[in-house]
Amino acid sequence: MQTQPSDPILRLKTVLARTGLSRSTLYRRMKAGAFPRNVQISERCVGWRETTIDAWLRSPMCFGEPDAGTDLGRDIRRLGRPRS
C-alpha cells in the first residue's frame, strides 16, 4: 500500500516569513487572485498548503494567470516599436 505524500498546512506567520510579504499585501494579492487562497482549518483558523506557497515562490508573477507568458513575444515586439 502506497501512502500519499503529505502537504503540510502553513500558518500565517510562516507564510509571511517565507514570502517576505506584509499581512496586508498578502491579503490584497489574495483578493486580486495573485496569491494562493487560504484553507479553513477550523472556525477561526486558516492556513495555506505548502505546495501552493512553493509554487507561488517559484513564479509569483505568473500565479493565477492560466496563459501567462503566451503573449510575451507580442508584448516585446510592441514595446520595441518606435513611436510614430
PDB file of N, CA and C in Angstrom:
ATOM      1  N   MET A   1       0.841  -1.176   0.000  1.00  0.00           N
ATOM      2  CA  MET A   1       0.000   0.000   0.000  1.00  0.00           C
ATOM      3  C   MET A   1       0.886   1.239   0.000  1.00  0.00           C
ATOM      4  N   GLN A   2       0.650   2.153  -0.959  1.00  0.00           N
ATOM      5  CA  GLN A   2       1.421   3.374  -1.022  1.00  0.00           C
ATOM      6  C   GLN A   2       0.728   4.473  -0.224  1.00  0.00           C
ATOM      7  N   THR A   3       1.533   5.292   0.414  1.00  0.00           N
ATOM      8  CA  THR A   3       0.962   6.420   1.141  1.00  0.00           C
ATOM      9  C   THR A   3       1.174   7.683   0.333  1.00  0.00           C
ATOM     10  N   GLN A   4       0.225   8.576   0.410  1.00  0.00           N
ATOM     11  CA  GLN A   4       0.323   9.852  -0.288  1.00  0.00           C
ATOM     12  C   GLN A   4       1.285  10.765   0.475  1.00  0.00           C
ATOM     13  N   PRO A   5       2.128  11.508  -0.249  1.00  0.00           N
ATOM     14  CA  PRO A   5       2.994  12.453   0.446  1.00  0.00           C
ATOM     15  C   PRO A   5       2.145  13.531   1.108  1.00  0.00           C
ATOM     16  N   SER A   6       2.577  13.966   2.270  1.00  0.00           N
ATOM     17  CA  SER A   6       1.781  14.956   2.992  1.00  0.00           C
ATOM     18  C   SER A   6       1.986  16.344   2.394  1.00  0.00           C
ATOM     19  N   ASP A   7       1.004  17.164   2.529  1.00  0.00           N
ATOM     20  CA  ASP A   7       1.045  18.551   2.078  1.00  0.00           C
ATOM     21  C   ASP A   7       0.727  19.409   3.303  1.00  0.00           C
ATOM     22  N   PRO A   8       1.759  19.750   4.064  1.00  0.00           N
ATOM     23  CA  PRO A   8       1.519  20.474   5.316  1.00  0.00           C
ATOM     24  C   PRO A   8       0.798  21.805   5.100  1.00  0.00           C
ATOM     25  N   ILE A   9       0.057  22.194   6.101  1.00  0.00           N
ATOM     26  CA  ILE A   9      -0.615  23.489   6.120  1.00  0.00           C
ATOM     27  C   ILE A   9       0.290  24.463   6.875  1.00  0.00           C
ATOM     28  N   LEU A  10       0.578  25.589   6.227  1.00  0.00           N
ATOM     29  CA  LEU A  10       1.415  26.618   6.839  1.00  0.00           C
ATOM     30  C   LEU A  10       0.527  27.707   7.424  1.00  0.00           C
ATOM     31  N   ARG A  11       0.865  28.151   8.605  1.00  0.00           N
ATOM     32  CA  ARG A  11       0.120  29.235   9.248  1.00  0.00           C
ATOM     33  C   ARG A  11       0.622  30.581   8.744  1.00  0.00           C
ATOM     34  N   LEU A  12      -0.121  31.616   9.024  1.00  0.00           N
ATOM     35  CA  LEU A  12       0.153  32.954   8.513  1.00  0.00           C
ATOM     36  C   LEU A  12       1.572  33.430   8.822  1.00  0.00           C
ATOM     37  N   LYS A  13       2.007  33.255  10.047  1.00  0.00           N
ATOM     38  CA  LYS A  13       3.340  33.717  10.440  1.00  0.00           C
ATOM     39  C   LYS A  13       4.431  33.073   9.578  1.00  0.00           C
ATOM     40  N   THR A  14       4.290  31.803   9.292  1.00  0.00           N
ATOM     41  CA  THR A  14       5.253  31.081   8.464  1.00  0.00           C
ATOM     42  C   THR A  14       5.192  31.549   7.017  1.00  0.00           C
ATOM     43  N   VAL A  15       3.990  31.759   6.490  1.00  0.00           N
ATOM     44  CA  VAL A  15       3.824  32.216   5.113  1.00  0.00           C
ATOM     45  C   VAL A  15       4.442  33.603   4.945  1.00  0.00           C
ATOM     46  N   LEU A  16       4.206  34.485   5.898  1.00  0.00           N
ATOM     47  CA  LEU A  16       4.786  35.828   5.835  1.00  0.00           C
ATOM     48  C   LEU A  16       6.310  35.769   5.862  1.00  0.00           C
ATOM     49  N   ALA A  17       6.855  34.903   6.685  1.00  0.00           N
ATOM     50  CA  ALA A  17       8.314  34.766   6.774  1.00  0.00           C
ATOM     51  C   ALA A  17       8.897  34.215   5.468  1.00  0.00           C
ATOM     52  N   ARG A  18       8.234  33.235   4.865  1.00  0.00           N
ATOM     53  CA  ARG A  18       8.745  32.634   3.625  1.00  0.00           C
ATOM     54  C   ARG A  18       8.628  33.573   2.426  1.00  0.00           C
ATOM     55  N   THR A  19       7.558  34.355   2.376  1.00  0.00           N
ATOM     56  CA  THR A  19       7.323  35.195   1.205  1.00  0.00           C
ATOM     57  C   THR A  19       7.929  36.586   1.331  1.00  0.00           C
ATOM     58  N   GLY A  20       8.085  37.063   2.532  1.00  0.00           N
ATOM     59  CA  GLY A  20       8.582  38.419   2.738  1.00  0.00           C
ATOM     60  C   GLY A  20       7.501  39.477   2.551  1.00  0.00           C
ATOM     61  N   LEU A  21       6.257  39.050   2.409  1.00  0.00           N
ATOM     62  CA  LEU A  21       5.148  39.980   2.242  1.00  0.00           C
ATOM     63  C   LEU A  21       4.639  40.440   3.604  1.00  0.00           C
ATOM     64  N   SER A  22       4.015  41.605   3.624  1.00  0.00           N
ATOM     65  CA  SER A  22       3.322  42.029   4.835  1.00  0.00           C
ATOM     66  C   SER A  22       1.944  41.369   4.837  1.00  0.00           C
ATOM     67  N   ARG A  23       1.305  41.380   5.976  1.00  0.00           N
ATOM     68  CA  ARG A  23      -0.020  40.760   6.097  1.00  0.00           C
ATOM     69  C   ARG A  23      -1.016  41.422   5.146  1.00  0.00           C
ATOM     70  N   SER A  24      -1.022  42.763   5.122  1.00  0.00           N
ATOM     71  CA  SER A  24      -1.988  43.469   4.264  1.00  0.00           C
ATOM     72  C   SER A  24      -1.713  43.207   2.780  1.00  0.00           C
ATOM     73  N   THR A  25      -0.445  43.154   2.383  1.00  0.00           N
ATOM     74  CA  THR A  25      -0.109  42.875   0.989  1.00  0.00           C
ATOM     75  C   THR A  25      -0.525  41.460   0.611  1.00  0.00           C
ATOM     76  N   LEU A  26      -0.297  40.510   1.500  1.00  0.00           N
ATOM     77  CA  LEU A  26      -0.684  39.122   1.241  1.00  0.00           C
ATOM     78  C   LEU A  26      -2.187  39.036   0.982  1.00  0.00           C
ATOM     79  N   TYR A  27      -2.995  39.628   1.852  1.00  0.00           N
ATOM     80  CA  TYR A  27      -4.447  39.553   1.681  1.00  0.00           C
ATOM     81  C   TYR A  27      -4.920  40.355   0.471  1.00  0.00           C
ATOM     82  N   ARG A  28      -4.258  41.470   0.152  1.00  0.00           N
ATOM     83  CA  ARG A  28      -4.610  42.244  -1.031  1.00  0.00           C
ATOM     84  C   ARG A  28      -4.328  41.427  -2.298  1.00  0.00           C
ATOM     85  N   ARG A  29      -3.180  40.762  -2.349  1.00  0.00           N
ATOM     86  CA  ARG A  29      -2.844  39.927  -3.509  1.00  0.00           C
ATOM     87  C   ARG A  29      -3.772  38.719  -3.602  1.00  0.00           C
ATOM     88  N   MET A  30      -4.123  38.156  -2.458  1.00  0.00           N
ATOM     89  CA  MET A  30      -5.029  37.005  -2.451  1.00  0.00           C
ATOM     90  C   MET A  30      -6.391  37.426  -3.019  1.00  0.00           C
ATOM     91  N   LYS A  31      -6.872  38.595  -2.629  1.00  0.00           N
ATOM     92  CA  LYS A  31      -8.154  39.095  -3.124  1.00  0.00           C
ATOM     93  C   LYS A  31      -8.105  39.342  -4.629  1.00  0.00           C
ATOM     94  N   ALA A  32      -6.953  39.784  -5.123  1.00  0.00           N
ATOM     95  CA  ALA A  32      -6.791  40.057  -6.554  1.00  0.00           C
ATOM     96  C   ALA A  32      -6.521  38.794  -7.366  1.00  0.00           C
ATOM     97  N   GLY A  33      -6.331  37.657  -6.696  1.00  0.00           N
ATOM     98  CA  GLY A  33      -6.053  36.407  -7.398  1.00  0.00           C
ATOM     99  C   GLY A  33      -4.586  36.218  -7.726  1.00  0.00           C
ATOM    100  N   ALA A  34      -3.722  37.034  -7.121  1.00  0.00           N
ATOM    101  CA  ALA A  34      -2.293  36.957  -7.392  1.00  0.00           C
ATOM    102  C   ALA A  34      -1.530  36.241  -6.274  1.00  0.00           C
ATOM    103  N   PHE A  35      -2.244  35.595  -5.388  1.00  0.00           N
ATOM    104  CA  PHE A  35      -1.647  34.815  -4.303  1.00  0.00           C
ATOM    105  C   PHE A  35      -2.598  33.675  -3.976  1.00  0.00           C
ATOM    106  N   PRO A  36      -2.064  32.522  -3.581  1.00  0.00           N
ATOM    107  CA  PRO A  36      -2.940  31.366  -3.290  1.00  0.00           C
ATOM    108  C   PRO A  36      -3.975  31.664  -2.210  1.00  0.00           C
ATOM    109  N   ARG A  37      -5.154  31.096  -2.378  1.00  0.00           N
ATOM    110  CA  ARG A  37      -6.220  31.227  -1.378  1.00  0.00           C
ATOM    111  C   ARG A  37      -5.866  30.397  -0.150  1.00  0.00           C
ATOM    112  N   ASN A  38      -6.324  30.855   0.996  1.00  0.00           N
ATOM    113  CA  ASN A  38      -6.094  30.095   2.217  1.00  0.00           C
ATOM    114  C   ASN A  38      -7.151  29.003   2.357  1.00  0.00           C
ATOM    115  N   VAL A  39      -6.881  28.075   3.243  1.00  0.00           N
ATOM    116  CA  VAL A  39      -7.827  26.992   3.527  1.00  0.00           C
ATOM    117  C   VAL A  39      -8.256  27.109   4.979  1.00  0.00           C
ATOM    118  N   GLN A  40      -9.517  26.835   5.224  1.00  0.00           N
ATOM    119  CA  GLN A  40     -10.069  26.914   6.567  1.00  0.00           C
ATOM    120  C   GLN A  40      -9.662  25.663   7.345  1.00  0.00           C
ATOM    121  N   ILE A  41      -8.981  25.858   8.467  1.00  0.00           N
ATOM    122  CA  ILE A  41      -8.561  24.735   9.302  1.00  0.00           C
ATOM    123  C   ILE A  41      -9.607  24.458  10.369  1.00  0.00           C
ATOM    124  N   SER A  42     -10.091  25.514  10.980  1.00  0.00           N
ATOM    125  CA  SER A  42     -11.165  25.421  11.956  1.00  0.00           C
ATOM    126  C   SER A  42     -11.967  26.712  11.881  1.00  0.00           C
ATOM    127  N   GLU A  43     -12.857  26.927  12.816  1.00  0.00           N
ATOM    128  CA  GLU A  43     -13.735  28.096  12.759  1.00  0.00           C
ATOM    129  C   GLU A  43     -12.955  29.411  12.684  1.00  0.00           C
ATOM    130  N   ARG A  44     -11.887  29.541  13.437  1.00  0.00           N
ATOM    131  CA  ARG A  44     -11.129  30.794  13.476  1.00  0.00           C
ATOM    132  C   ARG A  44      -9.673  30.612  13.075  1.00  0.00           C
ATOM    133  N   CYS A  45      -9.404  29.609  12.279  1.00  0.00           N
ATOM    134  CA  CYS A  45      -8.023  29.279  11.949  1.00  0.00           C
ATOM    135  C   CYS A  45      -7.897  28.963  10.457  1.00  0.00           C
ATOM    136  N   VAL A  46      -6.951  29.653   9.785  1.00  0.00           N
ATOM    137  CA  VAL A  46      -6.706  29.390   8.363  1.00  0.00           C
ATOM    138  C   VAL A  46      -5.227  29.120   8.154  1.00  0.00           C
ATOM    139  N   GLY A  47      -4.937  28.549   7.000  1.00  0.00           N
ATOM    140  CA  GLY A  47      -3.549  28.289   6.631  1.00  0.00           C
ATOM    141  C   GLY A  47      -3.455  28.160   5.124  1.00  0.00           C
ATOM    142  N   TRP A  48      -2.259  27.910   4.651  1.00  0.00           N
ATOM    143  CA  TRP A  48      -2.012  27.745   3.222  1.00  0.00           C
ATOM    144  C   TRP A  48      -1.287  26.428   3.001  1.00  0.00           C
ATOM    145  N   ARG A  49      -1.627  25.726   1.940  1.00  0.00           N
ATOM    146  CA  ARG A  49      -0.931  24.480   1.613  1.00  0.00           C
ATOM    147  C   ARG A  49       0.491  24.811   1.185  1.00  0.00           C
ATOM    148  N   GLU A  50       1.434  24.055   1.711  1.00  0.00           N
ATOM    149  CA  GLU A  50       2.844  24.306   1.431  1.00  0.00           C
ATOM    150  C   GLU A  50       3.145  24.232  -0.064  1.00  0.00           C
ATOM    151  N   THR A  51       2.509  23.295  -0.764  1.00  0.00           N
ATOM    152  CA  THR A  51       2.779  23.158  -2.199  1.00  0.00           C
ATOM    153  C   THR A  51       2.356  24.394  -2.980  1.00  0.00           C
ATOM    154  N   THR A  52       1.241  25.021  -2.588  1.00  0.00           N
ATOM    155  CA  THR A  52       0.806  26.219  -3.307  1.00  0.00           C
ATOM    156  C   THR A  52       1.718  27.406  -3.008  1.00  0.00           C
ATOM    157  N   ILE A  53       2.216  27.504  -1.793  1.00  0.00           N
ATOM    158  CA  ILE A  53       3.162  28.579  -1.449  1.00  0.00           C
ATOM    159  C   ILE A  53       4.469  28.366  -2.199  1.00  0.00           C
ATOM    160  N   ASP A  54       4.933  27.129  -2.260  1.00  0.00           N
ATOM    161  CA  ASP A  54       6.163  26.832  -3.010  1.00  0.00           C
ATOM    162  C   ASP A  54       5.997  27.173  -4.491  1.00  0.00           C
ATOM    163  N   ALA A  55       4.836  26.863  -5.059  1.00  0.00           N
ATOM    164  CA  ALA A  55       4.576  27.185  -6.466  1.00  0.00           C
ATOM    165  C   ALA A  55       4.580  28.693  -6.672  1.00  0.00           C
ATOM    166  N   TRP A  56       3.984  29.431  -5.753  1.00  0.00           N
ATOM    167  CA  TRP A  56       3.969  30.890  -5.862  1.00  0.00           C
ATOM    168  C   TRP A  56       5.395  31.444  -5.761  1.00  0.00           C
ATOM    169  N   LEU A  57       6.193  30.894  -4.868  1.00  0.00           N
ATOM    170  CA  LEU A  57       7.571  31.366  -4.708  1.00  0.00           C
ATOM    171  C   LEU A  57       8.405  31.118  -5.966  1.00  0.00           C
ATOM    172  N   ARG A  58       8.134  30.020  -6.670  1.00  0.00           N
ATOM    173  CA  ARG A  58       8.865  29.733  -7.906  1.00  0.00           C
ATOM    174  C   ARG A  58       8.503  30.714  -9.011  1.00  0.00           C
ATOM    175  N   SER A  59       7.266  31.184  -9.047  1.00  0.00           N
ATOM    176  CA  SER A  59       6.824  32.062 -10.125  1.00  0.00           C
ATOM    177  C   SER A  59       5.715  33.005  -9.651  1.00  0.00           C
ATOM    178  N   PRO A  60       6.043  33.975  -8.815  1.00  0.00           N
ATOM    179  CA  PRO A  60       4.999  34.849  -8.272  1.00  0.00           C
ATOM    180  C   PRO A  60       4.324  35.739  -9.317  1.00  0.00           C
ATOM    181  N   MET A  61       5.028  36.112 -10.369  1.00  0.00           N
ATOM    182  CA  MET A  61       4.443  36.993 -11.379  1.00  0.00           C
ATOM    183  C   MET A  61       3.416  36.274 -12.242  1.00  0.00           C
ATOM    184  N   CYS A  62       3.512  34.969 -12.355  1.00  0.00           N
ATOM    185  CA  CYS A  62       2.609  34.213 -13.226  1.00  0.00           C
ATOM    186  C   CYS A  62       1.488  33.533 -12.462  1.00  0.00           C
ATOM    187  N   PHE A  63       1.463  33.652 -11.149  1.00  0.00           N
ATOM    188  CA  PHE A  63       0.447  32.956 -10.373  1.00  0.00           C
ATOM    189  C   PHE A  63      -0.935  33.513 -10.699  1.00  0.00           C
ATOM    190  N   GLY A  64      -1.863  32.612 -10.923  1.00  0.00           N
ATOM    191  CA  GLY A  64      -3.241  32.994 -11.177  1.00  0.00           C
ATOM    192  C   GLY A  64      -3.524  33.382 -12.618  1.00  0.00           C
ATOM    193  N   GLU A  65      -2.527  33.316 -13.485  1.00  0.00           N
ATOM    194  CA  GLU A  65      -2.728  33.632 -14.892  1.00  0.00           C
ATOM    195  C   GLU A  65      -2.566  32.347 -15.695  1.00  0.00           C
ATOM    196  N   PRO A  66      -3.668  31.732 -16.116  1.00  0.00           N
ATOM    197  CA  PRO A  66      -3.579  30.429 -16.778  1.00  0.00           C
ATOM    198  C   PRO A  66      -2.754  30.430 -18.050  1.00  0.00           C
ATOM    199  N   ASP A  67      -2.710  31.547 -18.780  1.00  0.00           N
ATOM    200  CA  ASP A  67      -1.946  31.564 -20.019  1.00  0.00           C
ATOM    201  C   ASP A  67      -0.796  32.559 -19.939  1.00  0.00           C
ATOM    202  N   ALA A  68      -0.238  32.719 -18.755  1.00  0.00           N
ATOM    203  CA  ALA A  68       0.852  33.676 -18.567  1.00  0.00           C
ATOM    204  C   ALA A  68       2.023  33.329 -19.468  1.00  0.00           C
ATOM    205  N   GLY A  69       2.554  34.332 -20.099  1.00  0.00           N
ATOM    206  CA  GLY A  69       3.725  34.139 -20.935  1.00  0.00           C
ATOM    207  C   GLY A  69       3.416  33.809 -22.378  1.00  0.00           C
ATOM    208  N   THR A  70       2.175  33.544 -22.729  1.00  0.00           N
ATOM    209  CA  THR A  70       1.872  33.153 -24.095  1.00  0.00           C
ATOM    210  C   THR A  70       1.979  34.322 -25.060  1.00  0.00           C
ATOM    211  N   ASP A  71       1.756  35.538 -24.579  1.00  0.00           N
ATOM    212  CA  ASP A  71       1.831  36.713 -25.437  1.00  0.00           C
ATOM    213  C   ASP A  71       3.114  37.494 -25.226  1.00  0.00           C
ATOM    214  N   LEU A  72       4.107  36.893 -24.609  1.00  0.00           N
ATOM    215  CA  LEU A  72       5.341  37.587 -24.295  1.00  0.00           C
ATOM    216  C   LEU A  72       6.032  38.109 -25.546  1.00  0.00           C
ATOM    217  N   GLY A  73       6.123  37.311 -26.589  1.00  0.00           N
ATOM    218  CA  GLY A  73       6.770  37.753 -27.819  1.00  0.00           C
ATOM    219  C   GLY A  73       6.063  38.953 -28.433  1.00  0.00           C
ATOM    220  N   ARG A  74       4.749  38.906 -28.459  1.00  0.00           N
ATOM    221  CA  ARG A  74       3.982  40.024 -28.997  1.00  0.00           C
ATOM    222  C   ARG A  74       4.218  41.289 -28.179  1.00  0.00           C
ATOM    223  N   ASP A  75       4.240  41.156 -26.847  1.00  0.00           N
ATOM    224  CA  ASP A  75       4.451  42.310 -25.982  1.00  0.00           C
ATOM    225  C   ASP A  75       5.837  42.907 -26.171  1.00  0.00           C
ATOM    226  N   ILE A  76       6.849  42.062 -26.337  1.00  0.00           N
ATOM    227  CA  ILE A  76       8.213  42.549 -26.536  1.00  0.00           C
ATOM    228  C   ILE A  76       8.313  43.280 -27.872  1.00  0.00           C
ATOM    229  N   ARG A  77       7.705  42.714 -28.914  1.00  0.00           N
ATOM    230  CA  ARG A  77       7.734  43.373 -30.225  1.00  0.00           C
ATOM    231  C   ARG A  77       7.025  44.719 -30.172  1.00  0.00           C
ATOM    232  N   ARG A  78       5.896  44.761 -29.498  1.00  0.00           N
ATOM    233  CA  ARG A  78       5.135  46.013 -29.396  1.00  0.00           C
ATOM    234  C   ARG A  78       5.926  47.072 -28.638  1.00  0.00           C
ATOM    235  N   LEU A  79       6.587  46.687 -27.556  1.00  0.00           N
ATOM    236  CA  LEU A  79       7.369  47.649 -26.776  1.00  0.00           C
ATOM    237  C   LEU A  79       8.593  48.137 -27.545  1.00  0.00           C
ATOM    238  N   GLY A  80       9.114  47.320 -28.438  1.00  0.00           N
ATOM    239  CA  GLY A  80      10.315  47.674 -29.176  1.00  0.00           C
ATOM    240  C   GLY A  80      10.063  48.567 -30.381  1.00  0.00           C
ATOM    241  N   ARG A  81       8.801  48.752 -30.764  1.00  0.00           N
ATOM    242  CA  ARG A  81       8.486  49.554 -31.940  1.00  0.00           C
ATOM    243  C   ARG A  81       8.698  51.041 -31.650  1.00  0.00           C
ATOM    244  N   PRO A  82       9.258  51.755 -32.603  1.00  0.00           N
ATOM    245  CA  PRO A  82       9.385  53.215 -32.429  1.00  0.00           C
ATOM    246  C   PRO A  82       8.017  53.867 -32.530  1.00  0.00           C
ATOM    247  N   ARG A  83       7.836  54.906 -31.777  1.00  0.00           N
ATOM    248  CA  ARG A  83       6.552  55.627 -31.803  1.00  0.00           C
ATOM    249  C   ARG A  83       6.467  56.483 -33.049  1.00  0.00           C
ATOM    250  N   SER A  84       5.264  56.559 -33.628  1.00  0.00           N
ATOM    251  CA  SER A  84       5.106  57.385 -34.831  1.00  0.00           C
ATOM    252  C   SER A  84       4.570  58.752 -34.481  1.00  0.00           C
TER     253      SER A  84
END
